[in-house]
Structure formats: C-alpha cells, structure tokens
Amino acid sequence: MSHSNTLLTLDSLPTDYTVELNGSMIISLEGEQADSYLQGQLTVNINTLDEKTVRHYAHCDNKGKTWSSGLIARYGTKILLLTNKDAGARTLAELNKYGVFSKVDIVDNSEEMHAYFVSRSAAKNLLGPLFSNSPFVNDESPEPLISHQAKEGLCFETDTKQPGYVVILNASASEKLRENIAEHAIASYSHTVYDAIKISNAHAQISGDTVGEYVPQMLNLHALNAIDFDKGCYMGQEVVARTRFLGKNKRAAYAFHVAESVELSAGDTVEKQLGDNWRRAGQIISVAKLEGETWFMAVLSNETTEEDLHRLADHSAITCYPCPLPYSIEQQASNIVKKRR
C-alpha cells in the first residue's frame, strides 16, 4: 500500500476500496481501574459497554467543552478510543494528567495498532481471513457498531451511508491486510477520504483551534447516542446536562459540500447571507479536500436551514448551502426536569 489513489469526489468511489486511517489516533486504557477511571471522564456509560458494542463518545473539560469525539470499543483487556490526531493528543494529555492517581495505563497505541476503513463489498476477501465469525463471511446483514473480535484486532460496520467496516489491527495483521489489498488490486485511499465520508454523514470531529471550544450538543453528538444523560458524574457533566434540560443549546454542526477543491482550515469563518448583507455565522471545525470537491463542517445557529446561503469569509466567491442532516438534532424532553421541580 505504498501509494494512495487520489479521489475526485465521494460519488466516484469504486465498489471495492480501503482507506488507511493514518490520520487517526488509537488511545488504549488498561488496568484494574480503567473502567472506573474512564467512567468519570467520558459522556458514555462505561459500565454498560460490553465487548460487542462500539459507541460514539465525547471527552470534555470541566466546563463541558469537547476535547475529543470519536469511537470507543473494548478489545480484550483494553478499552480503545479511536479519534483524530489533534483531538486525540489533547485527550491523551488530559487523561494522563489525572490517570496517575488510578491503576490504569493510558497510552497512544497508534504505532502498535493500525486502523482502516474497508468498503462492505471488499470486506469478505480482505477481512474474512482475519475474522472467522463475522457477518461478511456468512453474508448476514450486518448491524452497525457491533464489534467482532479476533486475536488480530477488531472490526465493526460503521453507521455511515457508505457501507463499510472500521478495522483496528495489530502490526502483523495490518501487514497481512496490506498484502491482501495489493494482491486483490483494491483501490486504497488516504485518510482524507474517510474524513469526507464522516462529514457527508454529519459526524463531527474537531481539529486545530476548535479543540476545547464546543459543548458536545453543538457537535450533534447527542444525535449519535454519544451522551448518556442518566449516568453518574463525569467531567463537564453539569454543563452538558444543563444544556439539555434547560434547552440552552443554540448551536449545531452542519456539513457543507463545495464542488471544487478549496484550501480551508479548522477555525476559518463561515458567513450567512441576510438580505443584501453577509454576517458571521460560525466557524469551520473539520475539512476534507478531495481532488474535485471539498467537504467541511461548521458550527452555526441550530436554526440554520437548507435554504440559508453561506459563503467562506476567506473565499467570498464560494457560496454553499448546508447539506440536510441525516438525523434529528431535537433533544428529547427529559423527565428529570420534572423531578427537580
């Protein structure tokens, strides 16, 4: 897999392809207090996380601002967090800051383990040899975010409209997978393609200056079942709960698609048209630039509609509309408020 194919647009993806997720970070936690320690750190309930389930998660500071979002899964005696490098570096540092008081080893496992995205139709040939008990071997219809484990690693069907598996493998299995990809002459793409897939599904990740800026609901993480509102205390919980129960959240993350390749960065400003004028609407949190199109996500007012014309402050000739969100960002009314009264 020495060279990556370039991709014009997401629509031009072949049926069989893989993406090496070399822009991601895999953080592992292991030790007798790994569960209890992480329970006090993340927005999801670790006590109910079994080895078959993969979840979206958020890791916040004590003001409820998100340091990282990503996926969490068990693997043997470890708990793994899969996130992007910028956010992962922050989460790793913050977890280690307090982890010294618990019996837990928290390490960046990205050298020992490697992550890939494998399209569903390529999975049987590529992953079948590694995971004997998986749905792609028996052609069952796979359930998203259900983990299949082997000694070489784990894999799970993603909850994206582009069907495929995220697979996390140890170094020797990773080598085997690469040989397999070359042998079957399957197209292999760089991490940017997976970023574009995530943005097209409105799965927010934060990068650059936007790490530590937003409450998880502003990133729509509640819509991805990444927040367990009924679990006990964790970092930032009061703010996250208040944002929900008092209806204080006024922002949400939206995906945009521009039909050309544009240089953008996290932190860039997006403006919205109001009559004859343009006004600052919010900032970009993630970008994926392909050969013939650019995908980005921005945090804007949660009353933004698909009819609202936006433009890039630094490229004012480029205008675009938000893509329809594939889920509801409405927060369910809670009974906990009633109990408080």
Protein backbone atom coordinates (compact mmCIF):
# COMPACT_ATOMS: atom_id res chain seq x y z
CA MET A 1 0.00 0.00 0.00
CA SER A 2 2.88 2.28 -0.80
CA HIS A 3 0.85 4.81 -2.74
CA SER A 4 -2.68 6.06 -2.25
CA ASN A 5 -5.06 6.57 -5.13
CA THR A 6 -6.43 10.09 -5.45
CA LEU A 7 -10.19 10.56 -5.47
CA LEU A 8 -12.11 13.14 -7.46
CA THR A 9 -15.39 13.04 -5.49
CA LEU A 10 -17.08 10.77 -2.94
CA ASP A 11 -19.57 9.81 -5.66
CA SER A 12 -16.73 8.38 -7.72
CA LEU A 13 -15.70 5.82 -5.05
CA PRO A 14 -15.41 2.33 -6.54
CA THR A 15 -17.38 -0.58 -5.02
CA ASP A 16 -14.26 -2.14 -3.52
CA TYR A 17 -11.87 0.19 -1.74
CA THR A 18 -9.97 0.74 1.50
CA VAL A 19 -8.81 3.80 3.41
CA GLU A 20 -5.78 3.70 5.68
CA LEU A 21 -6.75 5.75 8.75
CA ASN A 22 -3.25 7.06 9.35
CA GLY A 23 -4.61 10.44 10.48
CA SER A 24 -6.25 8.82 13.48
CA MET A 25 -5.05 8.11 17.00
CA ILE A 26 -5.79 4.94 18.93
CA ILE A 27 -5.63 5.50 22.68
CA SER A 28 -5.75 2.42 24.90
CA LEU A 29 -6.59 2.20 28.59
CA GLU A 30 -5.77 -0.92 30.55
CA GLY A 31 -5.61 -1.79 34.23
CA GLU A 32 -7.88 -2.71 37.11
CA GLN A 33 -9.27 0.83 37.40
CA ALA A 34 -9.53 1.58 33.67
CA ASP A 35 -13.33 1.28 33.69
CA SER A 36 -13.96 3.33 36.82
CA TYR A 37 -11.47 6.00 35.76
CA LEU A 38 -12.94 6.38 32.28
CA GLN A 39 -16.47 6.38 33.73
CA GLY A 40 -15.60 9.69 35.40
CA GLN A 41 -14.18 11.15 32.17
CA LEU A 42 -16.41 10.36 29.18
CA THR A 43 -20.03 11.14 28.25
CA VAL A 44 -20.92 7.45 27.78
CA ASN A 45 -21.64 4.84 30.44
CA ILE A 46 -18.56 2.58 30.53
CA ASN A 47 -20.30 0.17 32.94
CA THR A 48 -22.78 -0.83 30.23
CA LEU A 49 -20.20 -1.03 27.42
CA ASP A 50 -19.83 -4.70 26.52
CA GLU A 51 -17.24 -6.21 24.19
CA LYS A 52 -19.74 -6.38 21.33
CA THR A 53 -20.72 -2.72 21.35
CA VAL A 54 -18.97 0.28 19.79
CA ARG A 55 -20.17 3.76 20.79
CA HIS A 56 -19.61 7.37 19.77
CA TYR A 57 -18.21 9.28 22.76
CA ALA A 58 -17.16 12.77 23.83
CA HIS A 59 -14.43 13.76 26.28
CA CYS A 60 -14.94 17.22 27.79
CA ASP A 61 -13.23 19.66 30.13
CA ASN A 62 -14.95 20.65 33.38
CA LYS A 63 -16.81 23.43 31.54
CA GLY A 64 -18.33 20.84 29.19
CA LYS A 65 -16.21 21.88 26.18
CA THR A 66 -15.22 18.95 23.97
CA TRP A 67 -11.58 17.87 23.84
CA SER A 68 -12.26 14.92 21.54
CA SER A 69 -15.02 12.89 19.97
CA GLY A 70 -14.71 9.51 18.33
CA LEU A 71 -15.49 5.85 18.84
CA ILE A 72 -14.95 3.69 21.92
CA ALA A 73 -14.74 -0.10 21.99
CA ARG A 74 -13.39 -2.89 24.16
CA TYR A 75 -10.62 -5.11 22.85
CA GLY A 76 -9.52 -7.93 25.15
CA THR A 77 -8.46 -6.33 28.43
CA LYS A 78 -8.20 -2.88 26.88
CA ILE A 79 -10.60 -0.04 26.18
CA LEU A 80 -9.76 1.69 22.88
CA LEU A 81 -10.62 5.23 21.83
CA LEU A 82 -10.40 5.95 18.09
CA THR A 83 -10.23 9.66 17.33
CA ASN A 84 -8.32 12.11 15.12
CA LYS A 85 -4.77 13.16 15.98
CA ASP A 86 -5.38 16.78 17.08
CA ALA A 87 -8.20 15.91 19.43
CA GLY A 88 -6.54 12.66 20.49
CA ALA A 89 -3.36 14.43 21.56
CA ARG A 90 -5.43 16.65 23.84
CA THR A 91 -7.46 13.76 25.28
CA LEU A 92 -4.31 11.68 25.86
CA ALA A 93 -2.64 14.53 27.76
CA GLU A 94 -5.72 15.25 29.88
CA LEU A 95 -6.41 11.58 30.66
CA ASN A 96 -2.80 11.11 31.74
CA LYS A 97 -2.91 14.21 33.93
CA TYR A 98 -5.43 12.58 36.28
CA GLY A 99 -4.76 8.94 35.45
CA VAL A 100 -1.66 8.94 37.66
CA PHE A 101 -3.99 8.61 40.66
CA SER A 102 -5.64 5.44 39.28
CA LYS A 103 -4.36 1.96 38.47
CA VAL A 104 -4.58 2.45 34.72
CA ASP A 105 -2.11 2.58 31.82
CA ILE A 106 -3.09 5.15 29.21
CA VAL A 107 -1.05 5.04 26.01
CA ASP A 108 -1.09 6.13 22.40
CA ASN A 109 -1.36 2.74 20.69
CA SER A 110 -1.18 4.13 17.13
CA GLU A 111 2.23 2.53 16.45
CA GLU A 112 1.22 -0.96 17.63
CA MET A 113 -2.28 -0.92 16.14
CA HIS A 114 -3.49 0.41 12.79
CA ALA A 115 -6.97 1.42 11.70
CA TYR A 116 -8.56 1.05 8.25
CA PHE A 117 -11.93 1.61 6.61
CA VAL A 118 -12.86 -1.26 4.27
CA SER A 119 -15.88 -0.98 1.97
CA ARG A 120 -18.51 -3.63 2.66
CA SER A 121 -18.09 -5.41 -0.66
CA ALA A 122 -14.31 -5.69 -0.17
CA ALA A 123 -14.68 -6.96 3.40
CA LYS A 124 -15.25 -10.64 2.61
CA ASN A 125 -11.95 -11.00 0.73
CA LEU A 126 -9.91 -8.73 2.95
CA LEU A 127 -11.28 -9.30 6.44
CA GLY A 128 -12.71 -12.82 6.09
CA PRO A 129 -9.28 -14.43 6.68
CA LEU A 130 -8.85 -12.42 9.91
CA PHE A 131 -12.37 -12.61 11.41
CA SER A 132 -13.87 -16.06 11.04
CA ASN A 133 -17.13 -15.31 12.90
CA SER A 134 -18.19 -12.14 11.13
CA PRO A 135 -21.29 -11.29 9.11
CA PHE A 136 -19.34 -10.60 5.93
CA VAL A 137 -18.22 -14.22 5.90
CA ASN A 138 -21.78 -15.55 6.14
CA ASP A 139 -23.38 -12.72 4.14
CA GLU A 140 -25.67 -11.83 7.04
CA SER A 141 -26.93 -8.30 7.03
CA PRO A 142 -24.52 -6.55 9.40
CA GLU A 143 -25.58 -4.37 12.31
CA PRO A 144 -23.71 -1.09 12.64
CA LEU A 145 -21.41 -0.55 15.62
CA ILE A 146 -21.36 -4.23 16.64
CA SER A 147 -17.79 -5.29 17.34
CA HIS A 148 -16.30 -8.54 16.02
CA GLN A 149 -13.13 -9.57 17.81
CA ALA A 150 -10.20 -11.80 16.94
CA LYS A 151 -6.71 -12.02 18.40
CA GLU A 152 -5.51 -9.84 15.49
CA GLY A 153 -7.90 -6.98 16.30
CA LEU A 154 -11.50 -5.92 15.97
CA CYS A 155 -13.84 -4.67 13.27
CA PHE A 156 -17.33 -3.19 13.11
CA GLU A 157 -19.76 -1.96 10.48
CA THR A 158 -19.94 1.84 10.51
CA ASP A 159 -23.14 3.86 10.81
CA THR A 160 -22.42 5.77 7.58
CA LYS A 161 -24.39 5.75 4.36
CA GLN A 162 -21.25 4.49 2.61
CA PRO A 163 -21.34 0.87 3.84
CA GLY A 164 -18.10 -0.44 5.27
CA TYR A 165 -16.12 -1.59 8.26
CA VAL A 166 -13.65 0.14 10.52
CA VAL A 167 -10.97 -2.38 11.41
CA ILE A 168 -8.27 -1.95 14.06
CA LEU A 169 -5.44 -4.47 13.74
CA ASN A 170 -2.15 -5.32 15.41
CA ALA A 171 1.02 -4.72 13.38
CA SER A 172 1.37 -8.23 11.89
CA ALA A 173 -2.32 -8.48 10.90
CA SER A 174 -2.06 -4.97 9.46
CA GLU A 175 0.84 -6.15 7.30
CA LYS A 176 -1.26 -9.13 6.18
CA LEU A 177 -4.15 -6.83 5.27
CA ARG A 178 -1.88 -4.62 3.18
CA GLU A 179 -0.54 -7.62 1.28
CA ASN A 180 -4.12 -8.77 0.73
CA ILE A 181 -5.11 -5.32 -0.61
CA ALA A 182 -2.19 -5.38 -3.06
CA GLU A 183 -2.93 -8.98 -4.09
CA HIS A 184 -6.58 -8.19 -4.89
CA ALA A 185 -5.55 -4.87 -6.53
CA ILE A 186 -8.08 -2.98 -4.41
CA ALA A 187 -8.02 0.83 -4.51
CA SER A 188 -6.53 2.36 -1.40
CA TYR A 189 -7.08 5.97 -0.36
CA SER A 190 -5.64 8.38 2.16
CA HIS A 191 -7.37 9.30 5.42
CA THR A 192 -8.94 12.39 3.80
CA VAL A 193 -11.48 10.15 2.06
CA TYR A 194 -12.69 8.79 5.42
CA ASP A 195 -12.87 12.36 6.76
CA ALA A 196 -15.06 13.25 3.76
CA ILE A 197 -17.28 10.21 4.44
CA LYS A 198 -17.68 11.29 8.07
CA ILE A 199 -18.51 14.89 7.13
CA SER A 200 -21.01 13.74 4.49
CA ASN A 201 -22.76 11.83 7.31
CA ALA A 202 -22.52 14.86 9.65
CA HIS A 203 -20.28 13.00 12.11
CA ALA A 204 -18.43 15.91 13.70
CA GLN A 205 -14.83 15.84 14.73
CA ILE A 206 -12.85 18.78 15.99
CA SER A 207 -9.40 19.79 14.91
CA GLY A 208 -6.90 22.62 15.20
CA ASP A 209 -8.08 25.62 17.20
CA THR A 210 -11.59 24.20 17.64
CA VAL A 211 -10.45 21.55 20.17
CA GLY A 212 -11.94 22.55 23.54
CA GLU A 213 -14.39 25.09 22.07
CA TYR A 214 -17.78 23.38 21.93
CA VAL A 215 -20.23 21.58 24.20
CA PRO A 216 -20.97 18.09 22.72
CA GLN A 217 -24.55 19.04 21.76
CA MET A 218 -23.17 21.79 19.50
CA LEU A 219 -21.40 18.96 17.63
CA ASN A 220 -24.71 17.00 17.44
CA LEU A 221 -23.15 14.22 19.49
CA HIS A 222 -26.42 13.56 21.33
CA ALA A 223 -27.92 12.66 17.92
CA LEU A 224 -25.26 9.92 17.57
CA ASN A 225 -26.10 8.46 21.00
CA ALA A 226 -22.75 9.67 22.36
CA ILE A 227 -24.16 11.08 25.62
CA ASP A 228 -25.74 9.00 28.39
CA PHE A 229 -27.73 11.61 30.29
CA ASP A 230 -28.62 9.21 33.09
CA LYS A 231 -25.09 8.15 34.06
CA GLY A 232 -23.28 9.46 37.13
CA CYS A 233 -20.69 12.21 37.37
CA TYR A 234 -18.10 12.82 34.68
CA MET A 235 -16.03 15.77 33.51
CA GLY A 236 -18.28 18.58 32.24
CA GLN A 237 -21.47 16.71 33.16
CA GLU A 238 -23.22 19.66 34.80
CA VAL A 239 -22.88 21.83 31.72
CA VAL A 240 -23.82 19.00 29.33
CA ALA A 241 -26.91 18.20 31.44
CA ARG A 242 -27.91 21.84 31.84
CA THR A 243 -27.55 22.39 28.09
CA ARG A 244 -30.10 19.67 27.58
CA PHE A 245 -32.55 20.09 30.43
CA LEU A 246 -32.73 23.88 30.27
CA GLY A 247 -32.72 23.98 26.46
CA LYS A 248 -29.71 26.27 26.48
CA ASN A 249 -28.05 25.00 23.32
CA LYS A 250 -28.42 27.39 20.39
CA ARG A 251 -25.84 25.87 18.04
CA ALA A 252 -25.38 22.77 15.91
CA ALA A 253 -22.89 21.33 13.41
CA TYR A 254 -23.71 21.31 9.70
CA ALA A 255 -21.98 19.68 6.76
CA PHE A 256 -21.26 21.58 3.55
CA HIS A 257 -20.17 20.44 0.11
CA VAL A 258 -18.30 22.64 -2.37
CA ALA A 259 -17.92 21.32 -5.92
CA GLU A 260 -14.27 22.35 -6.19
CA SER A 261 -11.04 21.82 -4.28
CA VAL A 262 -10.54 24.72 -1.83
CA GLU A 263 -7.86 25.36 0.80
CA LEU A 264 -9.67 25.62 4.14
CA SER A 265 -8.73 25.11 7.77
CA ALA A 266 -10.48 24.43 11.04
CA GLY A 267 -11.18 27.81 12.64
CA ASP A 268 -11.99 29.58 9.34
CA THR A 269 -15.11 31.75 9.40
CA VAL A 270 -18.36 30.98 7.59
CA GLU A 271 -20.77 33.86 6.79
CA LYS A 272 -24.52 33.75 6.18
CA GLN A 273 -26.48 35.94 3.77
CA LEU A 274 -29.04 38.23 5.43
CA GLY A 275 -30.81 40.37 2.84
CA ASP A 276 -28.07 42.19 0.92
CA ASN A 277 -25.51 41.66 3.68
CA TRP A 278 -23.33 38.86 4.97
CA ARG A 279 -22.88 38.23 8.66
CA ARG A 280 -20.54 35.91 10.57
CA ALA A 281 -22.41 32.63 11.13
CA GLY A 282 -19.82 30.39 12.79
CA GLN A 283 -16.56 28.56 12.28
CA ILE A 284 -15.30 25.50 10.48
CA ILE A 285 -14.41 22.52 12.70
CA SER A 286 -13.21 19.99 10.09
CA VAL A 287 -12.28 19.86 6.42
CA ALA A 288 -11.74 17.14 3.81
CA LYS A 289 -10.36 18.28 0.47
CA LEU A 290 -10.55 15.80 -2.42
CA GLU A 291 -9.28 16.35 -5.98
CA GLY A 292 -12.59 17.75 -7.26
CA GLU A 293 -14.61 18.75 -4.18
CA THR A 294 -14.32 19.98 -0.60
CA TRP A 295 -16.35 18.85 2.40
CA PHE A 296 -16.41 20.80 5.63
CA MET A 297 -18.38 21.01 8.86
CA ALA A 298 -19.15 24.22 10.70
CA VAL A 299 -20.86 25.05 13.98
CA LEU A 300 -23.71 27.52 13.31
CA SER A 301 -27.05 28.56 14.82
CA ASN A 302 -29.21 25.47 15.33
CA GLU A 303 -31.99 27.27 13.45
CA THR A 304 -29.95 27.12 10.23
CA THR A 305 -31.95 25.69 7.32
CA GLU A 306 -31.00 24.13 3.99
CA GLU A 307 -32.25 27.33 2.28
CA ASP A 308 -29.73 29.56 4.09
CA LEU A 309 -26.99 30.68 1.71
CA HIS A 310 -23.50 30.70 3.24
CA ARG A 311 -20.07 31.67 2.00
CA LEU A 312 -16.48 31.29 3.12
CA ALA A 313 -15.17 34.52 4.61
CA ASP A 314 -11.73 33.96 3.05
CA HIS A 315 -13.13 32.83 -0.34
CA SER A 316 -16.17 35.08 -0.66
CA ALA A 317 -16.91 33.97 -4.23
CA ILE A 318 -17.63 30.44 -2.98
CA THR A 319 -21.20 30.08 -1.74
CA CYS A 320 -22.93 26.93 -0.49
CA TYR A 321 -25.98 25.64 1.34
CA PRO A 322 -25.93 23.27 4.34
CA CYS A 323 -26.48 19.59 3.48
CA PRO A 324 -29.61 18.06 5.04
CA LEU A 325 -28.79 16.48 8.41
CA PRO A 326 -29.26 12.69 8.35
CA TYR A 327 -30.65 12.68 11.92
CA SER A 328 -32.74 14.84 14.23
CA ILE A 329 -30.92 17.30 16.49
CA GLU A 330 -34.03 17.88 18.60
CA GLN A 331 -33.34 16.93 22.19
CA GLN A 332 -35.90 14.71 23.82
CA ALA A 333 -37.69 16.43 26.68
CA SER A 334 -36.50 14.98 29.94
CA ASN A 335 -38.42 13.77 32.98
CA ILE A 336 -35.52 14.73 35.18
CA VAL A 337 -36.59 18.38 34.94
CA LYS A 338 -40.00 17.46 36.36
CA LYS A 339 -38.38 15.67 39.26
CA ARG A 340 -36.37 18.77 40.08
CA ARG A 341 -39.44 20.96 40.27
